[in-house]
PDB file of N, CA and C in Angstrom:
ATOM      1  N   MET A   1       7.764   0.802 -12.656  1.00  0.00           N
ATOM      2  CA  MET A   1       7.565   0.258 -11.339  1.00  0.00           C
ATOM      3  C   MET A   1       6.255   0.820 -10.789  1.00  0.00           C
ATOM      4  N   PHE A   2       5.555  -0.032 -10.068  1.00  0.00           N
ATOM      5  CA  PHE A   2       4.367   0.392  -9.323  1.00  0.00           C
ATOM      6  C   PHE A   2       4.594  -0.035  -7.885  1.00  0.00           C
ATOM      7  N   SER A   3       4.529   0.912  -6.971  1.00  0.00           N
ATOM      8  CA  SER A   3       4.711   0.581  -5.566  1.00  0.00           C
ATOM      9  C   SER A   3       3.844   1.506  -4.726  1.00  0.00           C
ATOM     10  N   GLY A   4       3.514   1.027  -3.535  1.00  0.00           N
ATOM     11  CA  GLY A   4       2.681   1.814  -2.647  1.00  0.00           C
ATOM     12  C   GLY A   4       3.229   1.845  -1.241  1.00  0.00           C
ATOM     13  N   ILE A   5       2.749   2.823  -0.496  1.00  0.00           N
ATOM     14  CA  ILE A   5       3.156   2.979   0.890  1.00  0.00           C
ATOM     15  C   ILE A   5       1.933   3.372   1.707  1.00  0.00           C
ATOM     16  N   GLN A   6       1.763   2.709   2.851  1.00  0.00           N
ATOM     17  CA  GLN A   6       0.619   3.033   3.706  1.00  0.00           C
ATOM     18  C   GLN A   6       0.898   4.314   4.479  1.00  0.00           C
ATOM     19  N   PRO A   7      -0.067   5.207   4.519  1.00  0.00           N
ATOM     20  CA  PRO A   7       0.126   6.468   5.226  1.00  0.00           C
ATOM     21  C   PRO A   7      -0.347   6.408   6.686  1.00  0.00           C
ATOM     22  N   THR A   8      -0.082   5.316   7.363  1.00  0.00           N
ATOM     23  CA  THR A   8      -0.612   5.155   8.719  1.00  0.00           C
ATOM     24  C   THR A   8       0.411   5.387   9.810  1.00  0.00           C
ATOM     25  N   GLY A   9       1.661   5.343   9.492  1.00  0.00           N
ATOM     26  CA  GLY A   9       2.691   5.549  10.509  1.00  0.00           C
ATOM     27  C   GLY A   9       3.622   6.651  10.077  1.00  0.00           C
ATOM     28  N   THR A  10       4.651   6.838  10.835  1.00  0.00           N
ATOM     29  CA  THR A  10       5.660   7.820  10.492  1.00  0.00           C
ATOM     30  C   THR A  10       6.724   7.130   9.643  1.00  0.00           C
ATOM     31  N   ILE A  11       7.042   7.737   8.522  1.00  0.00           N
ATOM     32  CA  ILE A  11       8.097   7.183   7.682  1.00  0.00           C
ATOM     33  C   ILE A  11       9.398   7.294   8.463  1.00  0.00           C
ATOM     34  N   HIS A  12      10.148   6.203   8.486  1.00  0.00           N
ATOM     35  CA  HIS A  12      11.387   6.167   9.256  1.00  0.00           C
ATOM     36  C   HIS A  12      12.563   5.887   8.330  1.00  0.00           C
ATOM     37  N   ILE A  13      13.735   5.866   8.917  1.00  0.00           N
ATOM     38  CA  ILE A  13      14.959   5.709   8.132  1.00  0.00           C
ATOM     39  C   ILE A  13      14.969   4.399   7.350  1.00  0.00           C
ATOM     40  N   GLY A  14      14.348   3.359   7.897  1.00  0.00           N
ATOM     41  CA  GLY A  14      14.270   2.082   7.189  1.00  0.00           C
ATOM     42  C   GLY A  14      13.444   2.197   5.919  1.00  0.00           C
ATOM     43  N   ASN A  15      12.323   2.947   5.983  1.00  0.00           N
ATOM     44  CA  ASN A  15      11.522   3.186   4.780  1.00  0.00           C
ATOM     45  C   ASN A  15      12.341   3.932   3.734  1.00  0.00           C
ATOM     46  N   TYR A  16      13.085   4.918   4.207  1.00  0.00           N
ATOM     47  CA  TYR A  16      13.877   5.729   3.291  1.00  0.00           C
ATOM     48  C   TYR A  16      14.934   4.880   2.592  1.00  0.00           C
ATOM     49  N   TYR A  17      15.754   4.167   3.377  1.00  0.00           N
ATOM     50  CA  TYR A  17      16.829   3.369   2.778  1.00  0.00           C
ATOM     51  C   TYR A  17      16.303   2.138   2.051  1.00  0.00           C
ATOM     52  N   GLY A  18      15.194   1.583   2.531  1.00  0.00           N
ATOM     53  CA  GLY A  18      14.665   0.370   1.918  1.00  0.00           C
ATOM     54  C   GLY A  18      13.908   0.605   0.631  1.00  0.00           C
ATOM     55  N   ALA A  19      13.302   1.778   0.470  1.00  0.00           N
ATOM     56  CA  ALA A  19      12.463   1.986  -0.711  1.00  0.00           C
ATOM     57  C   ALA A  19      12.545   3.410  -1.265  1.00  0.00           C
ATOM     58  N   VAL A  20      12.226   4.392  -0.462  1.00  0.00           N
ATOM     59  CA  VAL A  20      12.018   5.752  -0.968  1.00  0.00           C
ATOM     60  C   VAL A  20      13.252   6.306  -1.670  1.00  0.00           C
ATOM     61  N   ARG A  21      14.423   6.087  -1.113  1.00  0.00           N
ATOM     62  CA  ARG A  21      15.654   6.581  -1.740  1.00  0.00           C
ATOM     63  C   ARG A  21      15.826   5.969  -3.128  1.00  0.00           C
ATOM     64  N   ARG A  22      15.555   4.673  -3.238  1.00  0.00           N
ATOM     65  CA  ARG A  22      15.672   3.981  -4.529  1.00  0.00           C
ATOM     66  C   ARG A  22      14.619   4.485  -5.514  1.00  0.00           C
ATOM     67  N   TRP A  23      13.387   4.709  -4.992  1.00  0.00           N
ATOM     68  CA  TRP A  23      12.341   5.232  -5.875  1.00  0.00           C
ATOM     69  C   TRP A  23      12.796   6.541  -6.517  1.00  0.00           C
ATOM     70  N   ALA A  24      13.315   7.447  -5.708  1.00  0.00           N
ATOM     71  CA  ALA A  24      13.735   8.753  -6.221  1.00  0.00           C
ATOM     72  C   ALA A  24      14.897   8.614  -7.205  1.00  0.00           C
ATOM     73  N   ALA A  25      15.841   7.742  -6.891  1.00  0.00           N
ATOM     74  CA  ALA A  25      17.029   7.578  -7.735  1.00  0.00           C
ATOM     75  C   ALA A  25      16.717   6.967  -9.094  1.00  0.00           C
ATOM     76  N   GLU A  26      15.698   6.130  -9.166  1.00  0.00           N
ATOM     77  CA  GLU A  26      15.405   5.409 -10.407  1.00  0.00           C
ATOM     78  C   GLU A  26      14.401   6.118 -11.317  1.00  0.00           C
ATOM     79  N   GLN A  27      14.014   7.312 -10.972  1.00  0.00           N
ATOM     80  CA  GLN A  27      13.016   8.015 -11.777  1.00  0.00           C
ATOM     81  C   GLN A  27      13.490   8.326 -13.189  1.00  0.00           C
ATOM     82  N   ASP A  28      14.793   8.506 -13.354  1.00  0.00           N
ATOM     83  CA  ASP A  28      15.310   8.808 -14.689  1.00  0.00           C
ATOM     84  C   ASP A  28      15.421   7.556 -15.552  1.00  0.00           C
ATOM     85  N   ASP A  29      15.377   6.388 -14.911  1.00  0.00           N
ATOM     86  CA  ASP A  29      15.545   5.126 -15.635  1.00  0.00           C
ATOM     87  C   ASP A  29      14.227   4.454 -16.007  1.00  0.00           C
ATOM     88  N   PHE A  30      13.175   4.702 -15.213  1.00  0.00           N
ATOM     89  CA  PHE A  30      11.903   4.009 -15.389  1.00  0.00           C
ATOM     90  C   PHE A  30      10.746   4.970 -15.191  1.00  0.00           C
ATOM     91  N   PHE A  31       9.604   4.617 -15.776  1.00  0.00           N
ATOM     92  CA  PHE A  31       8.376   5.331 -15.438  1.00  0.00           C
ATOM     93  C   PHE A  31       7.834   4.676 -14.173  1.00  0.00           C
ATOM     94  N   ASN A  32       7.667   5.452 -13.145  1.00  0.00           N
ATOM     95  CA  ASN A  32       7.244   4.934 -11.855  1.00  0.00           C
ATOM     96  C   ASN A  32       5.868   5.442 -11.472  1.00  0.00           C
ATOM     97  N   ILE A  33       5.147   4.610 -10.769  1.00  0.00           N
ATOM     98  CA  ILE A  33       3.839   4.972 -10.229  1.00  0.00           C
ATOM     99  C   ILE A  33       3.894   4.673  -8.736  1.00  0.00           C
ATOM    100  N   PHE A  34       3.695   5.699  -7.938  1.00  0.00           N
ATOM    101  CA  PHE A  34       3.734   5.556  -6.490  1.00  0.00           C
ATOM    102  C   PHE A  34       2.363   5.902  -5.914  1.00  0.00           C
ATOM    103  N   CYS A  35       1.909   5.045  -5.043  1.00  0.00           N
ATOM    104  CA  CYS A  35       0.546   5.153  -4.526  1.00  0.00           C
ATOM    105  C   CYS A  35       0.565   5.242  -3.004  1.00  0.00           C
ATOM    106  N   LEU A  36      -0.193   6.174  -2.475  1.00  0.00           N
ATOM    107  CA  LEU A  36      -0.435   6.244  -1.036  1.00  0.00           C
ATOM    108  C   LEU A  36      -1.645   5.355  -0.791  1.00  0.00           C
ATOM    109  N   VAL A  37      -1.417   4.170  -0.233  1.00  0.00           N
ATOM    110  CA  VAL A  37      -2.442   3.135  -0.174  1.00  0.00           C
ATOM    111  C   VAL A  37      -3.329   3.296   1.070  1.00  0.00           C
ATOM    112  N   ASP A  38      -4.117   4.347   1.056  1.00  0.00           N
ATOM    113  CA  ASP A  38      -5.006   4.620   2.196  1.00  0.00           C
ATOM    114  C   ASP A  38      -6.132   3.604   2.319  1.00  0.00           C
ATOM    115  N   MET A  39      -6.526   2.984   1.222  1.00  0.00           N
ATOM    116  CA  MET A  39      -7.570   1.947   1.306  1.00  0.00           C
ATOM    117  C   MET A  39      -7.029   0.700   2.000  1.00  0.00           C
ATOM    118  N   HIS A  40      -5.747   0.388   1.798  1.00  0.00           N
ATOM    119  CA  HIS A  40      -5.136  -0.723   2.523  1.00  0.00           C
ATOM    120  C   HIS A  40      -5.142  -0.435   4.025  1.00  0.00           C
ATOM    121  N   ALA A  41      -4.996   0.824   4.371  1.00  0.00           N
ATOM    122  CA  ALA A  41      -4.916   1.207   5.779  1.00  0.00           C
ATOM    123  C   ALA A  41      -6.215   0.946   6.533  1.00  0.00           C
ATOM    124  N   ILE A  42      -7.345   0.956   5.831  1.00  0.00           N
ATOM    125  CA  ILE A  42      -8.620   0.816   6.546  1.00  0.00           C
ATOM    126  C   ILE A  42      -8.997  -0.630   6.821  1.00  0.00           C
ATOM    127  N   THR A  43      -8.042  -1.552   6.641  1.00  0.00           N
ATOM    128  CA  THR A  43      -8.296  -2.919   7.078  1.00  0.00           C
ATOM    129  C   THR A  43      -8.274  -2.998   8.601  1.00  0.00           C
ATOM    130  N   LEU A  44      -7.771  -1.951   9.229  1.00  0.00           N
ATOM    131  CA  LEU A  44      -7.843  -1.769  10.679  1.00  0.00           C
ATOM    132  C   LEU A  44      -8.573  -0.462  10.935  1.00  0.00           C
ATOM    133  N   PRO A  45      -9.218  -0.313  12.085  1.00  0.00           N
ATOM    134  CA  PRO A  45      -9.927   0.947  12.374  1.00  0.00           C
ATOM    135  C   PRO A  45      -8.972   2.142  12.306  1.00  0.00           C
ATOM    136  N   GLN A  46      -9.415   3.193  11.653  1.00  0.00           N
ATOM    137  CA  GLN A  46      -8.628   4.419  11.514  1.00  0.00           C
ATOM    138  C   GLN A  46      -9.502   5.614  11.848  1.00  0.00           C
ATOM    139  N   ASP A  47      -8.918   6.612  12.447  1.00  0.00           N
ATOM    140  CA  ASP A  47      -9.594   7.893  12.623  1.00  0.00           C
ATOM    141  C   ASP A  47      -9.512   8.607  11.273  1.00  0.00           C
ATOM    142  N   PRO A  48     -10.656   8.919  10.652  1.00  0.00           N
ATOM    143  CA  PRO A  48     -10.625   9.506   9.300  1.00  0.00           C
ATOM    144  C   PRO A  48      -9.792  10.784   9.200  1.00  0.00           C
ATOM    145  N   ALA A  49      -9.909  11.657  10.183  1.00  0.00           N
ATOM    146  CA  ALA A  49      -9.143  12.907  10.135  1.00  0.00           C
ATOM    147  C   ALA A  49      -7.647  12.629  10.231  1.00  0.00           C
ATOM    148  N   GLU A  50      -7.261  11.701  11.091  1.00  0.00           N
ATOM    149  CA  GLU A  50      -5.845  11.364  11.233  1.00  0.00           C
ATOM    150  C   GLU A  50      -5.309  10.699   9.966  1.00  0.00           C
ATOM    151  N   LEU A  51      -6.115   9.836   9.352  1.00  0.00           N
ATOM    152  CA  LEU A  51      -5.678   9.183   8.116  1.00  0.00           C
ATOM    153  C   LEU A  51      -5.484  10.212   7.003  1.00  0.00           C
ATOM    154  N   ARG A  52      -6.387  11.181   6.885  1.00  0.00           N
ATOM    155  CA  ARG A  52      -6.214  12.244   5.880  1.00  0.00           C
ATOM    156  C   ARG A  52      -4.928  13.020   6.138  1.00  0.00           C
ATOM    157  N   GLU A  53      -4.688  13.353   7.419  1.00  0.00           N
ATOM    158  CA  GLU A  53      -3.487  14.099   7.785  1.00  0.00           C
ATOM    159  C   GLU A  53      -2.221  13.298   7.468  1.00  0.00           C
ATOM    160  N   LYS A  54      -2.214  12.027   7.825  1.00  0.00           N
ATOM    161  CA  LYS A  54      -1.054  11.169   7.558  1.00  0.00           C
ATOM    162  C   LYS A  54      -0.831  10.985   6.055  1.00  0.00           C
ATOM    163  N   THR A  55      -1.914  10.950   5.282  1.00  0.00           N
ATOM    164  CA  THR A  55      -1.795  10.821   3.829  1.00  0.00           C
ATOM    165  C   THR A  55      -1.085  12.038   3.247  1.00  0.00           C
ATOM    166  N   LEU A  56      -1.495  13.232   3.672  1.00  0.00           N
ATOM    167  CA  LEU A  56      -0.837  14.463   3.202  1.00  0.00           C
ATOM    168  C   LEU A  56       0.611  14.522   3.670  1.00  0.00           C
ATOM    169  N   GLU A  57       0.846  14.114   4.916  1.00  0.00           N
ATOM    170  CA  GLU A  57       2.204  14.117   5.467  1.00  0.00           C
ATOM    171  C   GLU A  57       3.106  13.165   4.689  1.00  0.00           C
ATOM    172  N   THR A  58       2.598  11.981   4.392  1.00  0.00           N
ATOM    173  CA  THR A  58       3.397  11.004   3.646  1.00  0.00           C
ATOM    174  C   THR A  58       3.698  11.509   2.239  1.00  0.00           C
ATOM    175  N   ALA A  59       2.714  12.132   1.601  1.00  0.00           N
ATOM    176  CA  ALA A  59       2.947  12.704   0.265  1.00  0.00           C
ATOM    177  C   ALA A  59       4.027  13.783   0.329  1.00  0.00           C
ATOM    178  N   ALA A  60       3.970  14.634   1.336  1.00  0.00           N
ATOM    179  CA  ALA A  60       4.966  15.694   1.476  1.00  0.00           C
ATOM    180  C   ALA A  60       6.364  15.108   1.697  1.00  0.00           C
ATOM    181  N   ILE A  61       6.444  14.049   2.487  1.00  0.00           N
ATOM    182  CA  ILE A  61       7.744  13.407   2.733  1.00  0.00           C
ATOM    183  C   ILE A  61       8.296  12.801   1.453  1.00  0.00           C
ATOM    184  N   LEU A  62       7.442  12.147   0.667  1.00  0.00           N
ATOM    185  CA  LEU A  62       7.906  11.559  -0.593  1.00  0.00           C
ATOM    186  C   LEU A  62       8.405  12.640  -1.548  1.00  0.00           C
ATOM    187  N   LEU A  63       7.689  13.740  -1.622  1.00  0.00           N
ATOM    188  CA  LEU A  63       8.122  14.837  -2.485  1.00  0.00           C
ATOM    189  C   LEU A  63       9.442  15.428  -1.981  1.00  0.00           C
ATOM    190  N   ALA A  64       9.562  15.604  -0.667  1.00  0.00           N
ATOM    191  CA  ALA A  64      10.797  16.140  -0.088  1.00  0.00           C
ATOM    192  C   ALA A  64      11.970  15.195  -0.292  1.00  0.00           C
ATOM    193  N   ALA A  65      11.688  13.894  -0.351  1.00  0.00           N
ATOM    194  CA  ALA A  65      12.743  12.893  -0.546  1.00  0.00           C
ATOM    195  C   ALA A  65      13.188  12.789  -2.001  1.00  0.00           C
ATOM    196  N   GLY A  66      12.502  13.492  -2.887  1.00  0.00           N
ATOM    197  CA  GLY A  66      12.955  13.519  -4.270  1.00  0.00           C
ATOM    198  C   GLY A  66      12.020  12.933  -5.302  1.00  0.00           C
ATOM    199  N   ILE A  67      10.850  12.472  -4.889  1.00  0.00           N
ATOM    200  CA  ILE A  67       9.889  11.998  -5.892  1.00  0.00           C
ATOM    201  C   ILE A  67       9.427  13.217  -6.692  1.00  0.00           C
ATOM    202  N   ASP A  68       9.647  13.172  -7.973  1.00  0.00           N
ATOM    203  CA  ASP A  68       9.356  14.302  -8.853  1.00  0.00           C
ATOM    204  C   ASP A  68       8.079  14.013  -9.648  1.00  0.00           C
ATOM    205  N   PRO A  69       7.016  14.796  -9.415  1.00  0.00           N
ATOM    206  CA  PRO A  69       5.759  14.544 -10.133  1.00  0.00           C
ATOM    207  C   PRO A  69       5.855  14.723 -11.652  1.00  0.00           C
ATOM    208  N   ASP A  70       6.921  15.347 -12.128  1.00  0.00           N
ATOM    209  CA  ASP A  70       7.125  15.455 -13.577  1.00  0.00           C
ATOM    210  C   ASP A  70       7.726  14.177 -14.160  1.00  0.00           C
ATOM    211  N   LYS A  71       8.277  13.326 -13.295  1.00  0.00           N
ATOM    212  CA  LYS A  71       8.912  12.091 -13.743  1.00  0.00           C
ATOM    213  C   LYS A  71       8.153  10.839 -13.310  1.00  0.00           C
ATOM    214  N   SER A  72       7.358  10.950 -12.267  1.00  0.00           N
ATOM    215  CA  SER A  72       6.651   9.798 -11.701  1.00  0.00           C
ATOM    216  C   SER A  72       5.232  10.192 -11.334  1.00  0.00           C
ATOM    217  N   ALA A  73       4.342   9.231 -11.420  1.00  0.00           N
ATOM    218  CA  ALA A  73       2.968   9.462 -10.967  1.00  0.00           C
ATOM    219  C   ALA A  73       2.910   9.203  -9.460  1.00  0.00           C
ATOM    220  N   LEU A  74       2.274  10.101  -8.739  1.00  0.00           N
ATOM    221  CA  LEU A  74       2.070   9.960  -7.298  1.00  0.00           C
ATOM    222  C   LEU A  74       0.603  10.259  -7.032  1.00  0.00           C
ATOM    223  N   PHE A  75      -0.105   9.289  -6.444  1.00  0.00           N
ATOM    224  CA  PHE A  75      -1.532   9.501  -6.220  1.00  0.00           C
ATOM    225  C   PHE A  75      -1.996   8.780  -4.967  1.00  0.00           C
ATOM    226  N   VAL A  76      -3.191   9.144  -4.523  1.00  0.00           N
ATOM    227  CA  VAL A  76      -3.834   8.533  -3.364  1.00  0.00           C
ATOM    228  C   VAL A  76      -4.776   7.446  -3.882  1.00  0.00           C
ATOM    229  N   GLN A  77      -4.634   6.254  -3.344  1.00  0.00           N
ATOM    230  CA  GLN A  77      -5.384   5.089  -3.814  1.00  0.00           C
ATOM    231  C   GLN A  77      -6.884   5.337  -3.856  1.00  0.00           C
ATOM    232  N   SER A  78      -7.445   5.926  -2.806  1.00  0.00           N
ATOM    233  CA  SER A  78      -8.895   6.109  -2.748  1.00  0.00           C
ATOM    234  C   SER A  78      -9.404   7.121  -3.768  1.00  0.00           C
ATOM    235  N   ASP A  79      -8.511   7.887  -4.382  1.00  0.00           N
ATOM    236  CA  ASP A  79      -8.925   8.826  -5.430  1.00  0.00           C
ATOM    237  C   ASP A  79      -9.220   8.123  -6.749  1.00  0.00           C
ATOM    238  N   ILE A  80      -8.811   6.856  -6.869  1.00  0.00           N
ATOM    239  CA  ILE A  80      -8.998   6.098  -8.105  1.00  0.00           C
ATOM    240  C   ILE A  80     -10.006   4.982  -7.827  1.00  0.00           C
ATOM    241  N   ALA A  81     -11.230   5.194  -8.231  1.00  0.00           N
ATOM    242  CA  ALA A  81     -12.308   4.240  -7.935  1.00  0.00           C
ATOM    243  C   ALA A  81     -12.027   2.850  -8.502  1.00  0.00           C
ATOM    244  N   GLU A  82     -11.259   2.784  -9.559  1.00  0.00           N
ATOM    245  CA  GLU A  82     -10.972   1.491 -10.184  1.00  0.00           C
ATOM    246  C   GLU A  82     -10.203   0.538  -9.255  1.00  0.00           C
ATOM    247  N   HIS A  83      -9.494   1.073  -8.278  1.00  0.00           N
ATOM    248  CA  HIS A  83      -8.806   0.198  -7.320  1.00  0.00           C
ATOM    249  C   HIS A  83      -9.813  -0.630  -6.533  1.00  0.00           C
ATOM    250  N   ALA A  84     -10.848   0.023  -6.024  1.00  0.00           N
ATOM    251  CA  ALA A  84     -11.880  -0.695  -5.269  1.00  0.00           C
ATOM    252  C   ALA A  84     -12.660  -1.631  -6.190  1.00  0.00           C
ATOM    253  N   GLU A  85     -12.917  -1.191  -7.397  1.00  0.00           N
ATOM    254  CA  GLU A  85     -13.637  -2.041  -8.347  1.00  0.00           C
ATOM    255  C   GLU A  85     -12.842  -3.304  -8.679  1.00  0.00           C
ATOM    256  N   LEU A  86     -11.544  -3.143  -8.899  1.00  0.00           N
ATOM    257  CA  LEU A  86     -10.709  -4.298  -9.197  1.00  0.00           C
ATOM    258  C   LEU A  86     -10.641  -5.243  -7.994  1.00  0.00           C
ATOM    259  N   ALA A  87     -10.525  -4.693  -6.794  1.00  0.00           N
ATOM    260  CA  ALA A  87     -10.502  -5.535  -5.593  1.00  0.00           C
ATOM    261  C   ALA A  87     -11.790  -6.344  -5.491  1.00  0.00           C
ATOM    262  N   TRP A  88     -12.914  -5.717  -5.783  1.00  0.00           N
ATOM    263  CA  TRP A  88     -14.194  -6.434  -5.744  1.00  0.00           C
ATOM    264  C   TRP A  88     -14.184  -7.583  -6.752  1.00  0.00           C
ATOM    265  N   LEU A  89     -13.761  -7.309  -7.964  1.00  0.00           N
ATOM    266  CA  LEU A  89     -13.733  -8.349  -8.993  1.00  0.00           C
ATOM    267  C   LEU A  89     -12.800  -9.494  -8.602  1.00  0.00           C
ATOM    268  N   LEU A  90     -11.621  -9.168  -8.086  1.00  0.00           N
ATOM    269  CA  LEU A  90     -10.687 -10.222  -7.683  1.00  0.00           C
ATOM    270  C   LEU A  90     -11.231 -11.035  -6.513  1.00  0.00           C
ATOM    271  N   ASN A  91     -11.883 -10.371  -5.555  1.00  0.00           N
ATOM    272  CA  ASN A  91     -12.485 -11.097  -4.434  1.00  0.00           C
ATOM    273  C   ASN A  91     -13.598 -12.025  -4.904  1.00  0.00           C
ATOM    274  N   CYS A  92     -14.278 -11.654  -5.978  1.00  0.00           N
ATOM    275  CA  CYS A  92     -15.358 -12.495  -6.494  1.00  0.00           C
ATOM    276  C   CYS A  92     -14.842 -13.772  -7.142  1.00  0.00           C
ATOM    277  N   ILE A  93     -13.646 -13.742  -7.688  1.00  0.00           N
ATOM    278  CA  ILE A  93     -13.149 -14.922  -8.391  1.00  0.00           C
ATOM    279  C   ILE A  93     -12.087 -15.691  -7.602  1.00  0.00           C
ATOM    280  N   ALA A  94     -11.525 -15.085  -6.565  1.00  0.00           N
ATOM    281  CA  ALA A  94     -10.505 -15.770  -5.759  1.00  0.00           C
ATOM    282  C   ALA A  94     -11.191 -16.630  -4.703  1.00  0.00           C
ATOM    283  N   SER A  95     -10.613 -17.773  -4.450  1.00  0.00           N
ATOM    284  CA  SER A  95     -11.178 -18.654  -3.424  1.00  0.00           C
ATOM    285  C   SER A  95     -10.210 -18.766  -2.251  1.00  0.00           C
ATOM    286  N   MET A  96     -10.724 -19.182  -1.114  1.00  0.00           N
ATOM    287  CA  MET A  96      -9.860 -19.397   0.037  1.00  0.00           C
ATOM    288  C   MET A  96      -8.852 -20.500  -0.259  1.00  0.00           C
ATOM    289  N   GLY A  97      -9.247 -21.474  -1.062  1.00  0.00           N
ATOM    290  CA  GLY A  97      -8.307 -22.523  -1.445  1.00  0.00           C
ATOM    291  C   GLY A  97      -7.094 -21.957  -2.161  1.00  0.00           C
ATOM    292  N   GLN A  98      -7.327 -20.977  -3.042  1.00  0.00           N
ATOM    293  CA  GLN A  98      -6.211 -20.346  -3.741  1.00  0.00           C
ATOM    294  C   GLN A  98      -5.328 -19.581  -2.761  1.00  0.00           C
ATOM    295  N   LEU A  99      -5.940 -18.855  -1.850  1.00  0.00           N
ATOM    296  CA  LEU A  99      -5.154 -18.124  -0.855  1.00  0.00           C
ATOM    297  C   LEU A  99      -4.343 -19.075   0.012  1.00  0.00           C
ATOM    298  N   ASN A 100      -4.957 -20.165   0.410  1.00  0.00           N
ATOM    299  CA  ASN A 100      -4.274 -21.120   1.280  1.00  0.00           C
ATOM    300  C   ASN A 100      -3.068 -21.770   0.605  1.00  0.00           C
ATOM    301  N   ARG A 101      -2.995 -21.718  -0.721  1.00  0.00           N
ATOM    302  CA  ARG A 101      -1.845 -22.271  -1.435  1.00  0.00           C
ATOM    303  C   ARG A 101      -0.738 -21.241  -1.641  1.00  0.00           C
ATOM    304  N   MET A 102      -1.007 -19.987  -1.310  1.00  0.00           N
ATOM    305  CA  MET A 102      -0.011 -18.926  -1.482  1.00  0.00           C
ATOM    306  C   MET A 102       0.930 -18.894  -0.286  1.00  0.00           C
ATOM    307  N   THR A 103       2.210 -19.000  -0.558  1.00  0.00           N
ATOM    308  CA  THR A 103       3.214 -19.024   0.511  1.00  0.00           C
ATOM    309  C   THR A 103       3.121 -17.787   1.396  1.00  0.00           C
ATOM    310  N   GLN A 104       3.006 -16.612   0.796  1.00  0.00           N
ATOM    311  CA  GLN A 104       2.961 -15.377   1.577  1.00  0.00           C
ATOM    312  C   GLN A 104       1.749 -15.366   2.508  1.00  0.00           C
ATOM    313  N   TYR A 105       0.607 -15.770   2.010  1.00  0.00           N
ATOM    314  CA  TYR A 105      -0.602 -15.797   2.831  1.00  0.00           C
ATOM    315  C   TYR A 105      -0.445 -16.780   3.988  1.00  0.00           C
ATOM    316  N   LYS A 106       0.084 -17.962   3.692  1.00  0.00           N
ATOM    317  CA  LYS A 106       0.260 -18.973   4.737  1.00  0.00           C
ATOM    318  C   LYS A 106       1.224 -18.499   5.811  1.00  0.00           C
ATOM    319  N   GLU A 107       2.303 -17.855   5.412  1.00  0.00           N
ATOM    320  CA  GLU A 107       3.278 -17.361   6.386  1.00  0.00           C
ATOM    321  C   GLU A 107       2.691 -16.277   7.269  1.00  0.00           C
ATOM    322  N   LYS A 108       1.918 -15.367   6.685  1.00  0.00           N
ATOM    323  CA  LYS A 108       1.353 -14.264   7.458  1.00  0.00           C
ATOM    324  C   LYS A 108       0.216 -14.704   8.356  1.00  0.00           C
ATOM    325  N   SER A 109      -0.555 -15.654   7.896  1.00  0.00           N
ATOM    326  CA  SER A 109      -1.735 -16.027   8.672  1.00  0.00           C
ATOM    327  C   SER A 109      -1.421 -16.989   9.808  1.00  0.00           C
ATOM    328  N   GLY A 110      -0.412 -17.845   9.632  1.00  0.00           N
ATOM    329  CA  GLY A 110      -0.019 -18.772  10.685  1.00  0.00           C
ATOM    330  C   GLY A 110      -1.204 -19.542  11.239  1.00  0.00           C
ATOM    331  N   GLU A 111      -1.386 -19.485  12.533  1.00  0.00           N
ATOM    332  CA  GLU A 111      -2.456 -20.234  13.198  1.00  0.00           C
ATOM    333  C   GLU A 111      -3.839 -19.651  12.928  1.00  0.00           C
ATOM    334  N   ARG A 112      -3.901 -18.389  12.506  1.00  0.00           N
ATOM    335  CA  ARG A 112      -5.197 -17.738  12.276  1.00  0.00           C
ATOM    336  C   ARG A 112      -5.708 -17.950  10.865  1.00  0.00           C
ATOM    337  N   GLN A 113      -5.163 -18.854  10.121  1.00  0.00           N
ATOM    338  CA  GLN A 113      -5.444 -19.023   8.697  1.00  0.00           C
ATOM    339  C   GLN A 113      -6.932 -19.022   8.370  1.00  0.00           C
ATOM    340  N   GLY A 114      -7.741 -19.699   9.129  1.00  0.00           N
ATOM    341  CA  GLY A 114      -9.160 -19.758   8.821  1.00  0.00           C
ATOM    342  C   GLY A 114      -9.935 -18.510   9.190  1.00  0.00           C
ATOM    343  N   GLY A 115      -9.386 -17.662  10.045  1.00  0.00           N
ATOM    344  CA  GLY A 115     -10.113 -16.490  10.511  1.00  0.00           C
ATOM    345  C   GLY A 115      -9.574 -15.177  10.004  1.00  0.00           C
ATOM    346  N   VAL A 116      -8.841 -15.201   8.919  1.00  0.00           N
ATOM    347  CA  VAL A 116      -8.211 -13.996   8.403  1.00  0.00           C
ATOM    348  C   VAL A 116      -9.010 -13.468   7.223  1.00  0.00           C
ATOM    349  N   SER A 117      -9.229 -12.163   7.215  1.00  0.00           N
ATOM    350  CA  SER A 117      -9.918 -11.522   6.099  1.00  0.00           C
ATOM    351  C   SER A 117      -9.024 -11.548   4.857  1.00  0.00           C
ATOM    352  N   VAL A 118      -9.615 -11.764   3.707  1.00  0.00           N
ATOM    353  CA  VAL A 118      -8.819 -11.728   2.480  1.00  0.00           C
ATOM    354  C   VAL A 118      -8.443 -10.305   2.101  1.00  0.00           C
ATOM    355  N   ALA A 119      -9.027  -9.317   2.778  1.00  0.00           N
ATOM    356  CA  ALA A 119      -8.760  -7.914   2.454  1.00  0.00           C
ATOM    357  C   ALA A 119      -7.557  -7.353   3.179  1.00  0.00           C
ATOM    358  N   CYS A 120      -6.978  -8.111   4.092  1.00  0.00           N
ATOM    359  CA  CYS A 120      -5.913  -7.515   4.889  1.00  0.00           C
ATOM    360  C   CYS A 120      -4.775  -8.480   5.129  1.00  0.00           C
ATOM    361  N   SER A 121      -3.710  -7.910   5.625  1.00  0.00           N
ATOM    362  CA  SER A 121      -2.568  -8.718   6.009  1.00  0.00           C
ATOM    363  C   SER A 121      -2.922  -9.459   7.292  1.00  0.00           C
ATOM    364  N   PRO A 122      -2.771 -10.755   7.314  1.00  0.00           N
ATOM    365  CA  PRO A 122      -3.157 -11.533   8.491  1.00  0.00           C
ATOM    366  C   PRO A 122      -2.460 -11.134   9.775  1.00  0.00           C
ATOM    367  N   THR A 123      -1.327 -10.510   9.692  1.00  0.00           N
ATOM    368  CA  THR A 123      -0.628 -10.117  10.905  1.00  0.00           C
ATOM    369  C   THR A 123      -1.222  -8.866  11.530  1.00  0.00           C
ATOM    370  N   ARG A 124      -2.059  -8.152  10.783  1.00  0.00           N
ATOM    371  CA  ARG A 124      -2.621  -6.914  11.301  1.00  0.00           C
ATOM    372  C   ARG A 124      -4.108  -7.019  11.575  1.00  0.00           C
ATOM    373  N   CYS A 125      -4.769  -8.076  11.198  1.00  0.00           N
ATOM    374  CA  CYS A 125      -6.235  -8.145  11.331  1.00  0.00           C
ATOM    375  C   CYS A 125      -6.661  -9.126  12.396  1.00  0.00           C
TER     376      CYS A 125
END
């Protein structure tokens, strides 16, 4: 499994029951990769110091919740340059026409469809 979590808010009980608890429980069954998606977070203005602090806080919460670094990979997205490189390559070959045909994109963008950045969730940009 590969999954990520944005380090911009406080992890709440819904995050725990919806994802984190399952991530920890399934470590013995699967090789998991968990990412703190700080690059996703910068689709909106962020205070750099606060984002760094929230990233460390989120990592500590995941570890406290049972994510075991001996069983699963846990990393910060911006530490892996290939994430940004892959995003650049995908943006170069993806067209707005393709995005406009994606159900998830259409649902999130709603009336703002033409003015939404391809780098972010339309509900947040």
